[in-house]
Amino acid sequence: MEILAQLFPFIILLAIMYFIIIRPQQQQQKKHQEMIEALKKGDKIVTTGGLIAEVRKVEEEFFVARINESTEVKLVKDAINRKYGDEA
């Protein structure tokens, strides 16, 4: 019984950390992943490097994006920060 009394503050601290730090971060990551999966041809995106591009083709692990009229690049899905025009 005494060991439970000693572990109780530690358990409470872990629970607080989970609900304040870990859970919101997991929800944000899930929301970002859903946004990436929902991107389609014609959507404008912002990369983690700050480039604004238009999605031209969606592949399994990559996007082909157009930066200007004559330049298309292949981007890894992890390089997408957000959809252009969406609030941060």
PDB file of N, CA and C in Angstrom:
ATOM      1  N   MET A   1       0.821  -1.191   0.000  1.00  0.00           N
ATOM      2  CA  MET A   1       0.000   0.000   0.000  1.00  0.00           C
ATOM      3  C   MET A   1       0.869   1.260   0.000  1.00  0.00           C
ATOM      4  N   GLU A   2       1.995   1.167   0.711  1.00  0.00           N
ATOM      5  CA  GLU A   2       2.892   2.314   0.782  1.00  0.00           C
ATOM      6  C   GLU A   2       3.526   2.617  -0.568  1.00  0.00           C
ATOM      7  N   ILE A   3       3.785   1.567  -1.341  1.00  0.00           N
ATOM      8  CA  ILE A   3       4.375   1.763  -2.670  1.00  0.00           C
ATOM      9  C   ILE A   3       3.403   2.480  -3.606  1.00  0.00           C
ATOM     10  N   LEU A   4       2.108   2.214  -3.451  1.00  0.00           N
ATOM     11  CA  LEU A   4       1.105   2.920  -4.243  1.00  0.00           C
ATOM     12  C   LEU A   4       1.085   4.394  -3.895  1.00  0.00           C
ATOM     13  N   ALA A   5       1.222   4.713  -2.643  1.00  0.00           N
ATOM     14  CA  ALA A   5       1.237   6.107  -2.215  1.00  0.00           C
ATOM     15  C   ALA A   5       2.456   6.831  -2.786  1.00  0.00           C
ATOM     16  N   GLN A   6       3.563   6.150  -2.939  1.00  0.00           N
ATOM     17  CA  GLN A   6       4.759   6.761  -3.508  1.00  0.00           C
ATOM     18  C   GLN A   6       4.650   6.919  -5.029  1.00  0.00           C
ATOM     19  N   LEU A   7       3.975   5.999  -5.685  1.00  0.00           N
ATOM     20  CA  LEU A   7       3.842   6.052  -7.140  1.00  0.00           C
ATOM     21  C   LEU A   7       2.707   6.963  -7.612  1.00  0.00           C
ATOM     22  N   PHE A   8       1.770   7.257  -6.740  1.00  0.00           N
ATOM     23  CA  PHE A   8       0.599   8.050  -7.128  1.00  0.00           C
ATOM     24  C   PHE A   8       0.972   9.411  -7.732  1.00  0.00           C
ATOM     25  N   PRO A   9       1.860  10.201  -7.126  1.00  0.00           N
ATOM     26  CA  PRO A   9       2.217  11.486  -7.755  1.00  0.00           C
ATOM     27  C   PRO A   9       2.859  11.304  -9.137  1.00  0.00           C
ATOM     28  N   PHE A  10       3.659  10.278  -9.304  1.00  0.00           N
ATOM     29  CA  PHE A  10       4.284  10.005 -10.588  1.00  0.00           C
ATOM     30  C   PHE A  10       3.229   9.656 -11.643  1.00  0.00           C
ATOM     31  N   ILE A  11       2.260   8.865 -11.273  1.00  0.00           N
ATOM     32  CA  ILE A  11       1.179   8.483 -12.189  1.00  0.00           C
ATOM     33  C   ILE A  11       0.358   9.706 -12.582  1.00  0.00           C
ATOM     34  N   ILE A  12       0.062  10.561 -11.611  1.00  0.00           N
ATOM     35  CA  ILE A  12      -0.683  11.792 -11.893  1.00  0.00           C
ATOM     36  C   ILE A  12       0.117  12.683 -12.849  1.00  0.00           C
ATOM     37  N   LEU A  13       1.413  12.800 -12.637  1.00  0.00           N
ATOM     38  CA  LEU A  13       2.272  13.609 -13.503  1.00  0.00           C
ATOM     39  C   LEU A  13       2.274  13.065 -14.930  1.00  0.00           C
ATOM     40  N   LEU A  14       2.352  11.758 -15.080  1.00  0.00           N
ATOM     41  CA  LEU A  14       2.307  11.146 -16.414  1.00  0.00           C
ATOM     42  C   LEU A  14       0.973  11.402 -17.102  1.00  0.00           C
ATOM     43  N   ALA A  15      -0.105  11.314 -16.353  1.00  0.00           N
ATOM     44  CA  ALA A  15      -1.436  11.574 -16.924  1.00  0.00           C
ATOM     45  C   ALA A  15      -1.552  13.028 -17.384  1.00  0.00           C
ATOM     46  N   ILE A  16      -1.050  13.948 -16.589  1.00  0.00           N
ATOM     47  CA  ILE A  16      -1.097  15.364 -16.968  1.00  0.00           C
ATOM     48  C   ILE A  16      -0.267  15.602 -18.223  1.00  0.00           C
ATOM     49  N   MET A  17       0.921  15.022 -18.282  1.00  0.00           N
ATOM     50  CA  MET A  17       1.769  15.174 -19.467  1.00  0.00           C
ATOM     51  C   MET A  17       1.083  14.608 -20.707  1.00  0.00           C
ATOM     52  N   TYR A  18       0.407  13.490 -20.562  1.00  0.00           N
ATOM     53  CA  TYR A  18      -0.279  12.887 -21.698  1.00  0.00           C
ATOM     54  C   TYR A  18      -1.355  13.829 -22.236  1.00  0.00           C
ATOM     55  N   PHE A  19      -2.197  14.369 -21.358  1.00  0.00           N
ATOM     56  CA  PHE A  19      -3.319  15.188 -21.810  1.00  0.00           C
ATOM     57  C   PHE A  19      -2.909  16.596 -22.230  1.00  0.00           C
ATOM     58  N   ILE A  20      -1.780  17.096 -21.746  1.00  0.00           N
ATOM     59  CA  ILE A  20      -1.356  18.453 -22.103  1.00  0.00           C
ATOM     60  C   ILE A  20      -0.385  18.457 -23.285  1.00  0.00           C
ATOM     61  N   ILE A  21       0.460  17.446 -23.390  1.00  0.00           N
ATOM     62  CA  ILE A  21       1.507  17.469 -24.421  1.00  0.00           C
ATOM     63  C   ILE A  21       1.303  16.409 -25.496  1.00  0.00           C
ATOM     64  N   ILE A  22       1.224  15.168 -25.110  1.00  0.00           N
ATOM     65  CA  ILE A  22       1.260  14.063 -26.067  1.00  0.00           C
ATOM     66  C   ILE A  22      -0.021  13.958 -26.898  1.00  0.00           C
ATOM     67  N   ARG A  23      -1.170  13.984 -26.258  1.00  0.00           N
ATOM     68  CA  ARG A  23      -2.434  13.802 -26.979  1.00  0.00           C
ATOM     69  C   ARG A  23      -2.696  14.912 -27.996  1.00  0.00           C
ATOM     70  N   PRO A  24      -2.535  16.197 -27.645  1.00  0.00           N
ATOM     71  CA  PRO A  24      -2.741  17.240 -28.660  1.00  0.00           C
ATOM     72  C   PRO A  24      -1.781  17.125 -29.835  1.00  0.00           C
ATOM     73  N   GLN A  25      -0.549  16.718 -29.565  1.00  0.00           N
ATOM     74  CA  GLN A  25       0.426  16.557 -30.638  1.00  0.00           C
ATOM     75  C   GLN A  25       0.016  15.418 -31.576  1.00  0.00           C
ATOM     76  N   GLN A  26      -0.491  14.328 -31.015  1.00  0.00           N
ATOM     77  CA  GLN A  26      -0.960  13.217 -31.847  1.00  0.00           C
ATOM     78  C   GLN A  26      -2.160  13.631 -32.687  1.00  0.00           C
ATOM     79  N   GLN A  27      -3.062  14.429 -32.116  1.00  0.00           N
ATOM     80  CA  GLN A  27      -4.229  14.889 -32.864  1.00  0.00           C
ATOM     81  C   GLN A  27      -3.818  15.813 -34.002  1.00  0.00           C
ATOM     82  N   GLN A  28      -2.843  16.693 -33.741  1.00  0.00           N
ATOM     83  CA  GLN A  28      -2.357  17.593 -34.778  1.00  0.00           C
ATOM     84  C   GLN A  28      -1.686  16.809 -35.900  1.00  0.00           C
ATOM     85  N   GLN A  29      -0.921  15.797 -35.544  1.00  0.00           N
ATOM     86  CA  GLN A  29      -0.247  14.964 -36.542  1.00  0.00           C
ATOM     87  C   GLN A  29      -1.279  14.207 -37.390  1.00  0.00           C
ATOM     88  N   LYS A  30      -2.323  13.702 -36.764  1.00  0.00           N
ATOM     89  CA  LYS A  30      -3.376  12.991 -37.484  1.00  0.00           C
ATOM     90  C   LYS A  30      -4.105  13.937 -38.444  1.00  0.00           C
ATOM     91  N   LYS A  31      -4.382  15.152 -37.999  1.00  0.00           N
ATOM     92  CA  LYS A  31      -5.051  16.149 -38.826  1.00  0.00           C
ATOM     93  C   LYS A  31      -4.186  16.512 -40.035  1.00  0.00           C
ATOM     94  N   HIS A  32      -2.876  16.653 -39.827  1.00  0.00           N
ATOM     95  CA  HIS A  32      -1.953  16.964 -40.918  1.00  0.00           C
ATOM     96  C   HIS A  32      -1.914  15.820 -41.926  1.00  0.00           C
ATOM     97  N   GLN A  33      -1.873  14.589 -41.443  1.00  0.00           N
ATOM     98  CA  GLN A  33      -1.856  13.425 -42.331  1.00  0.00           C
ATOM     99  C   GLN A  33      -3.137  13.344 -43.154  1.00  0.00           C
ATOM    100  N   GLU A  34      -4.283  13.644 -42.540  1.00  0.00           N
ATOM    101  CA  GLU A  34      -5.547  13.638 -43.269  1.00  0.00           C
ATOM    102  C   GLU A  34      -5.559  14.719 -44.348  1.00  0.00           C
ATOM    103  N   MET A  35      -4.975  15.886 -44.047  1.00  0.00           N
ATOM    104  CA  MET A  35      -4.902  16.971 -45.022  1.00  0.00           C
ATOM    105  C   MET A  35      -4.052  16.545 -46.213  1.00  0.00           C
ATOM    106  N   ILE A  36      -2.932  15.888 -45.954  1.00  0.00           N
ATOM    107  CA  ILE A  36      -2.053  15.434 -47.038  1.00  0.00           C
ATOM    108  C   ILE A  36      -2.766  14.392 -47.896  1.00  0.00           C
ATOM    109  N   GLU A  37      -3.475  13.469 -47.267  1.00  0.00           N
ATOM    110  CA  GLU A  37      -4.193  12.431 -48.015  1.00  0.00           C
ATOM    111  C   GLU A  37      -5.333  13.021 -48.849  1.00  0.00           C
ATOM    112  N   ALA A  38      -5.883  14.170 -48.428  1.00  0.00           N
ATOM    113  CA  ALA A  38      -7.008  14.772 -49.132  1.00  0.00           C
ATOM    114  C   ALA A  38      -6.572  15.682 -50.285  1.00  0.00           C
ATOM    115  N   LEU A  39      -5.272  15.950 -50.411  1.00  0.00           N
ATOM    116  CA  LEU A  39      -4.811  16.820 -51.497  1.00  0.00           C
ATOM    117  C   LEU A  39      -5.069  16.164 -52.850  1.00  0.00           C
ATOM    118  N   LYS A  40      -5.437  16.984 -53.814  1.00  0.00           N
ATOM    119  CA  LYS A  40      -5.732  16.486 -55.155  1.00  0.00           C
ATOM    120  C   LYS A  40      -5.163  17.443 -56.190  1.00  0.00           C
ATOM    121  N   LYS A  41      -5.224  17.059 -57.425  1.00  0.00           N
ATOM    122  CA  LYS A  41      -4.702  17.869 -58.518  1.00  0.00           C
ATOM    123  C   LYS A  41      -5.367  19.248 -58.505  1.00  0.00           C
ATOM    124  N   GLY A  42      -4.544  20.268 -58.626  1.00  0.00           N
ATOM    125  CA  GLY A  42      -5.053  21.636 -58.662  1.00  0.00           C
ATOM    126  C   GLY A  42      -4.964  22.373 -57.328  1.00  0.00           C
ATOM    127  N   ASP A  43      -4.767  21.645 -56.226  1.00  0.00           N
ATOM    128  CA  ASP A  43      -4.630  22.292 -54.919  1.00  0.00           C
ATOM    129  C   ASP A  43      -3.294  23.019 -54.838  1.00  0.00           C
ATOM    130  N   LYS A  44      -3.306  24.168 -54.175  1.00  0.00           N
ATOM    131  CA  LYS A  44      -2.062  24.894 -53.939  1.00  0.00           C
ATOM    132  C   LYS A  44      -1.551  24.522 -52.558  1.00  0.00           C
ATOM    133  N   ILE A  45      -0.227  24.303 -52.483  1.00  0.00           N
ATOM    134  CA  ILE A  45       0.393  23.860 -51.237  1.00  0.00           C
ATOM    135  C   ILE A  45       1.574  24.752 -50.884  1.00  0.00           C
ATOM    136  N   VAL A  46       1.956  24.703 -49.605  1.00  0.00           N
ATOM    137  CA  VAL A  46       3.169  25.354 -49.130  1.00  0.00           C
ATOM    138  C   VAL A  46       4.063  24.249 -48.586  1.00  0.00           C
ATOM    139  N   THR A  47       5.305  24.202 -49.063  1.00  0.00           N
ATOM    140  CA  THR A  47       6.240  23.179 -48.600  1.00  0.00           C
ATOM    141  C   THR A  47       6.895  23.638 -47.302  1.00  0.00           C
ATOM    142  N   THR A  48       7.600  22.725 -46.656  1.00  0.00           N
ATOM    143  CA  THR A  48       8.308  23.091 -45.429  1.00  0.00           C
ATOM    144  C   THR A  48       9.423  24.081 -45.717  1.00  0.00           C
ATOM    145  N   GLY A  49       9.882  24.150 -46.945  1.00  0.00           N
ATOM    146  CA  GLY A  49      10.895  25.120 -47.339  1.00  0.00           C
ATOM    147  C   GLY A  49      10.320  26.469 -47.713  1.00  0.00           C
ATOM    148  N   GLY A  50       8.990  26.583 -47.754  1.00  0.00           N
ATOM    149  CA  GLY A  50       8.348  27.852 -48.040  1.00  0.00           C
ATOM    150  C   GLY A  50       7.938  28.051 -49.484  1.00  0.00           C
ATOM    151  N   LEU A  51       8.138  27.055 -50.339  1.00  0.00           N
ATOM    152  CA  LEU A  51       7.720  27.173 -51.735  1.00  0.00           C
ATOM    153  C   LEU A  51       6.211  27.009 -51.850  1.00  0.00           C
ATOM    154  N   ILE A  52       5.625  27.820 -52.694  1.00  0.00           N
ATOM    155  CA  ILE A  52       4.200  27.681 -52.990  1.00  0.00           C
ATOM    156  C   ILE A  52       4.113  27.021 -54.360  1.00  0.00           C
ATOM    157  N   ALA A  53       3.371  25.929 -54.433  1.00  0.00           N
ATOM    158  CA  ALA A  53       3.286  25.164 -55.683  1.00  0.00           C
ATOM    159  C   ALA A  53       1.864  24.652 -55.865  1.00  0.00           C
ATOM    160  N   GLU A  54       1.585  24.197 -57.069  1.00  0.00           N
ATOM    161  CA  GLU A  54       0.282  23.620 -57.393  1.00  0.00           C
ATOM    162  C   GLU A  54       0.459  22.132 -57.665  1.00  0.00           C
ATOM    163  N   VAL A  55      -0.360  21.316 -57.034  1.00  0.00           N
ATOM    164  CA  VAL A  55      -0.287  19.867 -57.223  1.00  0.00           C
ATOM    165  C   VAL A  55      -0.729  19.528 -58.640  1.00  0.00           C
ATOM    166  N   ARG A  56       0.128  18.809 -59.349  1.00  0.00           N
ATOM    167  CA  ARG A  56      -0.199  18.393 -60.713  1.00  0.00           C
ATOM    168  C   ARG A  56      -0.550  16.913 -60.782  1.00  0.00           C
ATOM    169  N   LYS A  57       0.079  16.105 -59.914  1.00  0.00           N
ATOM    170  CA  LYS A  57      -0.158  14.665 -59.936  1.00  0.00           C
ATOM    171  C   LYS A  57       0.070  14.111 -58.534  1.00  0.00           C
ATOM    172  N   VAL A  58      -0.788  13.218 -58.112  1.00  0.00           N
ATOM    173  CA  VAL A  58      -0.656  12.583 -56.807  1.00  0.00           C
ATOM    174  C   VAL A  58      -0.201  11.141 -57.023  1.00  0.00           C
ATOM    175  N   GLU A  59       0.921  10.798 -56.406  1.00  0.00           N
ATOM    176  CA  GLU A  59       1.433   9.435 -56.462  1.00  0.00           C
ATOM    177  C   GLU A  59       1.387   8.852 -55.053  1.00  0.00           C
ATOM    178  N   GLU A  60       1.816   7.614 -54.915  1.00  0.00           N
ATOM    179  CA  GLU A  60       1.729   6.938 -53.621  1.00  0.00           C
ATOM    180  C   GLU A  60       2.546   7.636 -52.541  1.00  0.00           C
ATOM    181  N   GLU A  61       3.791   7.971 -52.840  1.00  0.00           N
ATOM    182  CA  GLU A  61       4.660   8.601 -51.843  1.00  0.00           C
ATOM    183  C   GLU A  61       5.084  10.016 -52.218  1.00  0.00           C
ATOM    184  N   PHE A  62       4.721  10.466 -53.423  1.00  0.00           N
ATOM    185  CA  PHE A  62       5.181  11.749 -53.928  1.00  0.00           C
ATOM    186  C   PHE A  62       4.036  12.561 -54.505  1.00  0.00           C
ATOM    187  N   PHE A  63       4.303  13.858 -54.659  1.00  0.00           N
ATOM    188  CA  PHE A  63       3.460  14.748 -55.435  1.00  0.00           C
ATOM    189  C   PHE A  63       4.318  15.309 -56.552  1.00  0.00           C
ATOM    190  N   VAL A  64       3.750  15.471 -57.721  1.00  0.00           N
ATOM    191  CA  VAL A  64       4.391  16.254 -58.759  1.00  0.00           C
ATOM    192  C   VAL A  64       3.719  17.607 -58.678  1.00  0.00           C
ATOM    193  N   ALA A  65       4.536  18.656 -58.466  1.00  0.00           N
ATOM    194  CA  ALA A  65       3.991  19.988 -58.256  1.00  0.00           C
ATOM    195  C   ALA A  65       4.599  20.964 -59.250  1.00  0.00           C
ATOM    196  N   ARG A  66       3.798  21.932 -59.662  1.00  0.00           N
ATOM    197  CA  ARG A  66       4.261  22.959 -60.590  1.00  0.00           C
ATOM    198  C   ARG A  66       4.565  24.225 -59.792  1.00  0.00           C
ATOM    199  N   ILE A  67       5.808  24.703 -59.931  1.00  0.00           N
ATOM    200  CA  ILE A  67       6.225  25.908 -59.227  1.00  0.00           C
ATOM    201  C   ILE A  67       5.926  27.144 -60.073  1.00  0.00           C
ATOM    202  N   ASN A  68       6.198  27.061 -61.367  1.00  0.00           N
ATOM    203  CA  ASN A  68       5.831  28.134 -62.298  1.00  0.00           C
ATOM    204  C   ASN A  68       5.405  27.484 -63.611  1.00  0.00           C
ATOM    205  N   GLU A  69       5.249  28.276 -64.642  1.00  0.00           N
ATOM    206  CA  GLU A  69       4.716  27.758 -65.906  1.00  0.00           C
ATOM    207  C   GLU A  69       5.580  26.671 -66.539  1.00  0.00           C
ATOM    208  N   SER A  70       6.886  26.686 -66.283  1.00  0.00           N
ATOM    209  CA  SER A  70       7.761  25.735 -66.958  1.00  0.00           C
ATOM    210  C   SER A  70       8.497  24.780 -66.021  1.00  0.00           C
ATOM    211  N   THR A  71       8.255  24.859 -64.729  1.00  0.00           N
ATOM    212  CA  THR A  71       9.011  24.037 -63.782  1.00  0.00           C
ATOM    213  C   THR A  71       8.086  23.151 -62.966  1.00  0.00           C
ATOM    214  N   GLU A  72       8.313  21.854 -63.076  1.00  0.00           N
ATOM    215  CA  GLU A  72       7.599  20.893 -62.240  1.00  0.00           C
ATOM    216  C   GLU A  72       8.630  20.149 -61.397  1.00  0.00           C
ATOM    217  N   VAL A  73       8.279  19.878 -60.152  1.00  0.00           N
ATOM    218  CA  VAL A  73       9.170  19.169 -59.234  1.00  0.00           C
ATOM    219  C   VAL A  73       8.421  18.008 -58.607  1.00  0.00           C
ATOM    220  N   LYS A  74       9.183  17.045 -58.155  1.00  0.00           N
ATOM    221  CA  LYS A  74       8.619  15.896 -57.447  1.00  0.00           C
ATOM    222  C   LYS A  74       8.901  16.099 -55.965  1.00  0.00           C
ATOM    223  N   LEU A  75       7.864  16.118 -55.151  1.00  0.00           N
ATOM    224  CA  LEU A  75       7.987  16.364 -53.720  1.00  0.00           C
ATOM    225  C   LEU A  75       7.571  15.139 -52.924  1.00  0.00           C
ATOM    226  N   VAL A  76       8.318  14.849 -51.878  1.00  0.00           N
ATOM    227  CA  VAL A  76       7.936  13.809 -50.931  1.00  0.00           C
ATOM    228  C   VAL A  76       6.744  14.340 -50.133  1.00  0.00           C
ATOM    229  N   LYS A  77       5.794  13.497 -49.823  1.00  0.00           N
ATOM    230  CA  LYS A  77       4.601  13.941 -49.091  1.00  0.00           C
ATOM    231  C   LYS A  77       4.939  14.562 -47.738  1.00  0.00           C
ATOM    232  N   ASP A  78       6.040  14.115 -47.124  1.00  0.00           N
ATOM    233  CA  ASP A  78       6.447  14.681 -45.835  1.00  0.00           C
ATOM    234  C   ASP A  78       6.902  16.129 -45.948  1.00  0.00           C
ATOM    235  N   ALA A  79       7.207  16.600 -47.167  1.00  0.00           N
ATOM    236  CA  ALA A  79       7.682  17.966 -47.358  1.00  0.00           C
ATOM    237  C   ALA A  79       6.549  18.982 -47.427  1.00  0.00           C
ATOM    238  N   ILE A  80       5.312  18.525 -47.363  1.00  0.00           N
ATOM    239  CA  ILE A  80       4.173  19.429 -47.447  1.00  0.00           C
ATOM    240  C   ILE A  80       3.866  19.955 -46.042  1.00  0.00           C
ATOM    241  N   ASN A  81       3.845  21.273 -45.929  1.00  0.00           N
ATOM    242  CA  ASN A  81       3.547  21.892 -44.640  1.00  0.00           C
ATOM    243  C   ASN A  81       2.055  22.117 -44.466  1.00  0.00           C
ATOM    244  N   ARG A  82       1.431  22.757 -45.460  1.00  0.00           N
ATOM    245  CA  ARG A  82       0.004  23.026 -45.370  1.00  0.00           C
ATOM    246  C   ARG A  82      -0.559  23.341 -46.746  1.00  0.00           C
ATOM    247  N   LYS A  83      -1.848  23.419 -46.814  1.00  0.00           N
ATOM    248  CA  LYS A  83      -2.530  23.813 -48.025  1.00  0.00           C
ATOM    249  C   LYS A  83      -2.534  25.334 -48.093  1.00  0.00           C
ATOM    250  N   TYR A  84      -2.197  25.902 -49.241  1.00  0.00           N
ATOM    251  CA  TYR A  84      -2.124  27.346 -49.378  1.00  0.00           C
ATOM    252  C   TYR A  84      -3.504  27.961 -49.223  1.00  0.00           C
ATOM    253  N   GLY A  85      -3.584  28.994 -48.424  1.00  0.00           N
ATOM    254  CA  GLY A  85      -4.864  29.652 -48.178  1.00  0.00           C
ATOM    255  C   GLY A  85      -5.511  29.217 -46.876  1.00  0.00           C
ATOM    256  N   ASP A  86      -5.119  28.058 -46.340  1.00  0.00           N
ATOM    257  CA  ASP A  86      -5.629  27.622 -45.041  1.00  0.00           C
ATOM    258  C   ASP A  86      -4.919  28.396 -43.939  1.00  0.00           C
ATOM    259  N   GLU A  87      -5.636  28.653 -42.865  1.00  0.00           N
ATOM    260  CA  GLU A  87      -4.999  29.302 -41.720  1.00  0.00           C
ATOM    261  C   GLU A  87      -3.982  28.357 -41.117  1.00  0.00           C
ATOM    262  N   ALA A  88      -2.897  28.902 -40.650  1.00  0.00           N
ATOM    263  CA  ALA A  88      -1.820  28.102 -40.060  1.00  0.00           C
ATOM    264  C   ALA A  88      -2.352  27.314 -38.896  1.00  0.00           C
TER     265      ALA A  88
END
